[in-house]
Amino acid sequence: MEKIKTGLIGYGFSGATFHAPFLKALDEFDLIKVLSSNQEKVQNDLGNITVAEKMDDIINDPEIELVVITTPNTLHYEMAKQSLIAKKHV
C-alpha cells in the first residue's frame, strides 16, 4: 500500500498534540513536511522532518497529496481554499 504524502500546516497545541502523532502512528500516512516557526521543536518531536517556512512550501510541493490544517480556526478557510486551488486534498 502506498502511503499518502502529507503536509501539516501549523504545529501549535493541536498540531503537536493531536494531528502529528496520529499521522506518524498510522501506516496510511507519510508526514513529510510541517509548517512551523519553531523548527527545533518540530525536529525534536518528529525527528528529521522538513520544516517549511511558508505555506507555499507545502501547497506547491508536488509530492504532497494531503494538507492538514491545524492553525487557528479563523485562518482555516483561506488556507483550505489555497490548498484546494493547488489541487491538494484537505
N, C-alpha and C. Protein backbone atom coordinates (compact mmCIF):
# COMPACT_ATOMS: atom_id res chain seq x y z
N MET A 1 0.84 -1.18 0.00
CA MET A 1 0.00 0.00 0.00
C MET A 1 0.89 1.25 0.00
N GLU A 2 0.56 2.19 -0.88
CA GLU A 2 1.29 3.45 -0.92
C GLU A 2 0.79 4.38 0.16
N LYS A 3 1.73 5.02 0.84
CA LYS A 3 1.36 5.97 1.88
C LYS A 3 0.96 7.30 1.26
N ILE A 4 0.08 8.01 1.93
CA ILE A 4 -0.37 9.33 1.49
C ILE A 4 0.64 10.36 1.99
N LYS A 5 1.31 11.02 1.06
CA LYS A 5 2.29 12.06 1.41
C LYS A 5 1.55 13.27 1.96
N THR A 6 1.90 13.65 3.19
CA THR A 6 1.12 14.63 3.93
C THR A 6 1.96 15.81 4.39
N GLY A 7 1.36 17.00 4.32
CA GLY A 7 1.96 18.21 4.87
C GLY A 7 1.06 18.74 5.97
N LEU A 8 1.66 19.16 7.05
CA LEU A 8 0.93 19.68 8.21
C LEU A 8 1.17 21.17 8.31
N ILE A 9 0.11 21.95 8.29
CA ILE A 9 0.22 23.40 8.41
C ILE A 9 -0.15 23.80 9.82
N GLY A 10 0.86 24.17 10.59
CA GLY A 10 0.66 24.58 11.98
C GLY A 10 1.16 23.51 12.93
N TYR A 11 1.96 23.93 13.90
CA TYR A 11 2.48 23.00 14.89
C TYR A 11 2.36 23.60 16.28
N GLY A 12 1.18 24.14 16.55
CA GLY A 12 0.88 24.62 17.89
C GLY A 12 0.32 23.47 18.71
N PHE A 13 -0.56 23.77 19.65
CA PHE A 13 -1.11 22.74 20.54
C PHE A 13 -1.79 21.62 19.76
N SER A 14 -2.68 21.97 18.86
CA SER A 14 -3.44 20.96 18.12
C SER A 14 -2.55 20.13 17.21
N GLY A 15 -1.68 20.79 16.47
CA GLY A 15 -0.80 20.07 15.55
C GLY A 15 0.18 19.16 16.27
N ALA A 16 0.76 19.65 17.35
CA ALA A 16 1.77 18.88 18.08
C ALA A 16 1.16 17.78 18.95
N THR A 17 -0.02 18.04 19.50
CA THR A 17 -0.62 17.11 20.45
C THR A 17 -1.50 16.07 19.80
N PHE A 18 -2.24 16.45 18.76
CA PHE A 18 -3.21 15.53 18.16
C PHE A 18 -2.82 15.08 16.75
N HIS A 19 -2.69 16.03 15.84
CA HIS A 19 -2.56 15.69 14.43
C HIS A 19 -1.24 14.99 14.08
N ALA A 20 -0.11 15.57 14.44
CA ALA A 20 1.18 14.97 14.08
C ALA A 20 1.35 13.56 14.66
N PRO A 21 1.04 13.35 15.94
CA PRO A 21 1.19 11.98 16.47
C PRO A 21 0.32 10.95 15.75
N PHE A 22 -0.91 11.32 15.40
CA PHE A 22 -1.76 10.39 14.65
C PHE A 22 -1.21 10.11 13.26
N LEU A 23 -0.77 11.17 12.58
CA LEU A 23 -0.22 10.99 11.23
C LEU A 23 1.04 10.13 11.25
N LYS A 24 1.85 10.26 12.29
CA LYS A 24 3.06 9.45 12.40
C LYS A 24 2.74 8.01 12.78
N ALA A 25 1.69 7.80 13.56
CA ALA A 25 1.35 6.46 14.06
C ALA A 25 0.62 5.61 13.04
N LEU A 26 -0.13 6.23 12.15
CA LEU A 26 -0.94 5.48 11.18
C LEU A 26 -0.13 5.14 9.94
N ASP A 27 -0.14 3.88 9.57
CA ASP A 27 0.64 3.42 8.42
C ASP A 27 0.21 4.02 7.09
N GLU A 28 -1.00 4.53 7.02
CA GLU A 28 -1.53 5.06 5.75
C GLU A 28 -0.90 6.40 5.36
N PHE A 29 -0.27 7.09 6.31
CA PHE A 29 0.23 8.44 6.07
C PHE A 29 1.74 8.52 6.20
N ASP A 30 2.33 9.40 5.40
CA ASP A 30 3.75 9.71 5.49
C ASP A 30 3.85 11.22 5.66
N LEU A 31 4.05 11.65 6.90
CA LEU A 31 4.17 13.08 7.20
C LEU A 31 5.56 13.52 6.76
N ILE A 32 5.61 14.33 5.71
CA ILE A 32 6.92 14.68 5.14
C ILE A 32 7.32 16.14 5.34
N LYS A 33 6.34 17.00 5.68
CA LYS A 33 6.69 18.41 5.83
C LYS A 33 5.73 19.07 6.81
N VAL A 34 6.28 19.95 7.65
CA VAL A 34 5.48 20.67 8.65
C VAL A 34 5.78 22.15 8.55
N LEU A 35 4.72 22.96 8.53
CA LEU A 35 4.89 24.42 8.56
C LEU A 35 4.88 24.86 10.02
N SER A 36 5.98 25.46 10.45
CA SER A 36 6.08 25.92 11.83
C SER A 36 7.15 26.99 11.93
N SER A 37 6.98 27.89 12.89
CA SER A 37 8.01 28.88 13.15
C SER A 37 9.04 28.35 14.15
N ASN A 38 8.78 27.14 14.69
CA ASN A 38 9.67 26.56 15.69
C ASN A 38 10.28 25.26 15.16
N GLN A 39 11.27 25.40 14.30
CA GLN A 39 11.91 24.25 13.67
C GLN A 39 12.49 23.28 14.70
N GLU A 40 13.10 23.81 15.75
CA GLU A 40 13.72 22.96 16.76
C GLU A 40 12.71 22.05 17.44
N LYS A 41 11.54 22.58 17.80
CA LYS A 41 10.51 21.78 18.46
C LYS A 41 10.00 20.68 17.52
N VAL A 42 9.75 21.03 16.26
CA VAL A 42 9.27 20.04 15.30
C VAL A 42 10.27 18.91 15.18
N GLN A 43 11.53 19.23 14.99
CA GLN A 43 12.54 18.20 14.79
C GLN A 43 12.82 17.41 16.07
N ASN A 44 12.72 18.04 17.23
CA ASN A 44 12.85 17.30 18.49
C ASN A 44 11.72 16.30 18.65
N ASP A 45 10.51 16.71 18.26
CA ASP A 45 9.34 15.84 18.42
C ASP A 45 9.24 14.77 17.34
N LEU A 46 9.56 15.14 16.10
CA LEU A 46 9.27 14.26 14.97
C LEU A 46 10.51 13.69 14.28
N GLY A 47 11.66 14.10 14.70
CA GLY A 47 12.88 13.60 14.07
C GLY A 47 13.25 14.44 12.86
N ASN A 48 13.95 13.83 11.95
CA ASN A 48 14.46 14.54 10.78
C ASN A 48 13.35 14.72 9.75
N ILE A 49 12.57 15.77 9.92
CA ILE A 49 11.47 16.08 9.01
C ILE A 49 11.70 17.48 8.47
N THR A 50 11.25 17.72 7.25
CA THR A 50 11.40 19.05 6.66
C THR A 50 10.44 20.02 7.32
N VAL A 51 10.96 21.17 7.73
CA VAL A 51 10.14 22.23 8.32
C VAL A 51 10.04 23.35 7.30
N ALA A 52 8.81 23.64 6.90
CA ALA A 52 8.55 24.68 5.90
C ALA A 52 8.49 26.05 6.59
N GLU A 53 8.92 27.06 5.86
CA GLU A 53 8.89 28.42 6.38
C GLU A 53 7.62 29.16 6.00
N LYS A 54 6.98 28.72 4.90
CA LYS A 54 5.74 29.38 4.48
C LYS A 54 4.80 28.34 3.88
N MET A 55 3.54 28.67 3.84
CA MET A 55 2.52 27.74 3.38
C MET A 55 2.77 27.28 1.95
N ASP A 56 3.25 28.16 1.11
CA ASP A 56 3.52 27.81 -0.29
C ASP A 56 4.51 26.65 -0.41
N ASP A 57 5.41 26.51 0.58
CA ASP A 57 6.37 25.41 0.56
C ASP A 57 5.66 24.06 0.67
N ILE A 58 4.48 24.05 1.23
CA ILE A 58 3.70 22.82 1.35
C ILE A 58 2.74 22.66 0.19
N ILE A 59 1.94 23.69 -0.09
CA ILE A 59 0.89 23.51 -1.11
C ILE A 59 1.46 23.45 -2.52
N ASN A 60 2.66 23.97 -2.74
CA ASN A 60 3.27 23.89 -4.08
C ASN A 60 4.25 22.72 -4.22
N ASP A 61 4.34 21.89 -3.20
CA ASP A 61 5.21 20.72 -3.26
C ASP A 61 4.47 19.62 -4.02
N PRO A 62 4.96 19.22 -5.19
CA PRO A 62 4.24 18.23 -5.99
C PRO A 62 4.15 16.86 -5.32
N GLU A 63 5.00 16.59 -4.37
CA GLU A 63 4.99 15.30 -3.68
C GLU A 63 3.83 15.20 -2.68
N ILE A 64 3.43 16.32 -2.11
CA ILE A 64 2.38 16.32 -1.07
C ILE A 64 1.00 16.19 -1.70
N GLU A 65 0.24 15.22 -1.19
CA GLU A 65 -1.11 14.94 -1.67
C GLU A 65 -2.19 15.48 -0.73
N LEU A 66 -1.89 15.46 0.56
CA LEU A 66 -2.86 15.83 1.60
C LEU A 66 -2.29 16.94 2.45
N VAL A 67 -3.11 17.96 2.71
CA VAL A 67 -2.73 19.05 3.59
C VAL A 67 -3.66 19.02 4.81
N VAL A 68 -3.04 18.97 5.99
CA VAL A 68 -3.80 19.00 7.24
C VAL A 68 -3.55 20.37 7.86
N ILE A 69 -4.63 21.10 8.12
CA ILE A 69 -4.54 22.48 8.62
C ILE A 69 -4.88 22.49 10.10
N THR A 70 -3.93 22.94 10.92
CA THR A 70 -4.12 22.95 12.37
C THR A 70 -3.89 24.33 12.97
N THR A 71 -4.06 25.34 12.15
CA THR A 71 -3.90 26.72 12.60
C THR A 71 -5.17 27.17 13.31
N PRO A 72 -5.19 28.37 13.89
CA PRO A 72 -6.44 28.87 14.49
C PRO A 72 -7.58 28.87 13.46
N ASN A 73 -8.79 28.63 13.95
CA ASN A 73 -9.97 28.47 13.09
C ASN A 73 -10.17 29.62 12.11
N THR A 74 -9.85 30.82 12.51
CA THR A 74 -10.08 31.98 11.63
C THR A 74 -9.21 31.93 10.37
N LEU A 75 -8.17 31.12 10.38
CA LEU A 75 -7.29 31.01 9.21
C LEU A 75 -7.64 29.83 8.32
N HIS A 76 -8.48 28.92 8.78
CA HIS A 76 -8.76 27.68 8.06
C HIS A 76 -9.33 27.91 6.66
N TYR A 77 -10.32 28.78 6.53
CA TYR A 77 -10.98 28.94 5.24
C TYR A 77 -10.00 29.33 4.14
N GLU A 78 -9.24 30.37 4.37
CA GLU A 78 -8.32 30.85 3.33
C GLU A 78 -7.24 29.82 3.03
N MET A 79 -6.72 29.16 4.05
CA MET A 79 -5.69 28.14 3.85
C MET A 79 -6.25 26.93 3.10
N ALA A 80 -7.46 26.54 3.45
CA ALA A 80 -8.10 25.41 2.76
C ALA A 80 -8.37 25.78 1.31
N LYS A 81 -8.84 26.99 1.08
CA LYS A 81 -9.11 27.45 -0.28
C LYS A 81 -7.83 27.43 -1.12
N GLN A 82 -6.75 27.96 -0.59
CA GLN A 82 -5.48 27.96 -1.33
C GLN A 82 -4.97 26.55 -1.58
N SER A 83 -5.16 25.66 -0.61
CA SER A 83 -4.73 24.26 -0.78
C SER A 83 -5.55 23.56 -1.86
N LEU A 84 -6.85 23.82 -1.88
CA LEU A 84 -7.70 23.21 -2.91
C LEU A 84 -7.39 23.75 -4.30
N ILE A 85 -7.10 25.03 -4.40
CA ILE A 85 -6.70 25.62 -5.68
C ILE A 85 -5.41 24.95 -6.17
N ALA A 86 -4.53 24.60 -5.24
CA ALA A 86 -3.29 23.91 -5.59
C ALA A 86 -3.50 22.41 -5.84
N LYS A 87 -4.78 22.00 -5.83
CA LYS A 87 -5.16 20.61 -6.12
C LYS A 87 -4.69 19.60 -5.08
N LYS A 88 -4.78 20.02 -3.81
CA LYS A 88 -4.43 19.13 -2.70
C LYS A 88 -5.73 18.66 -2.02
N HIS A 89 -5.67 17.50 -1.43
CA HIS A 89 -6.75 17.07 -0.55
C HIS A 89 -6.55 17.80 0.77
N VAL A 90 -7.65 18.17 1.41
CA VAL A 90 -7.57 18.93 2.66
C VAL A 90 -8.34 18.20 3.72
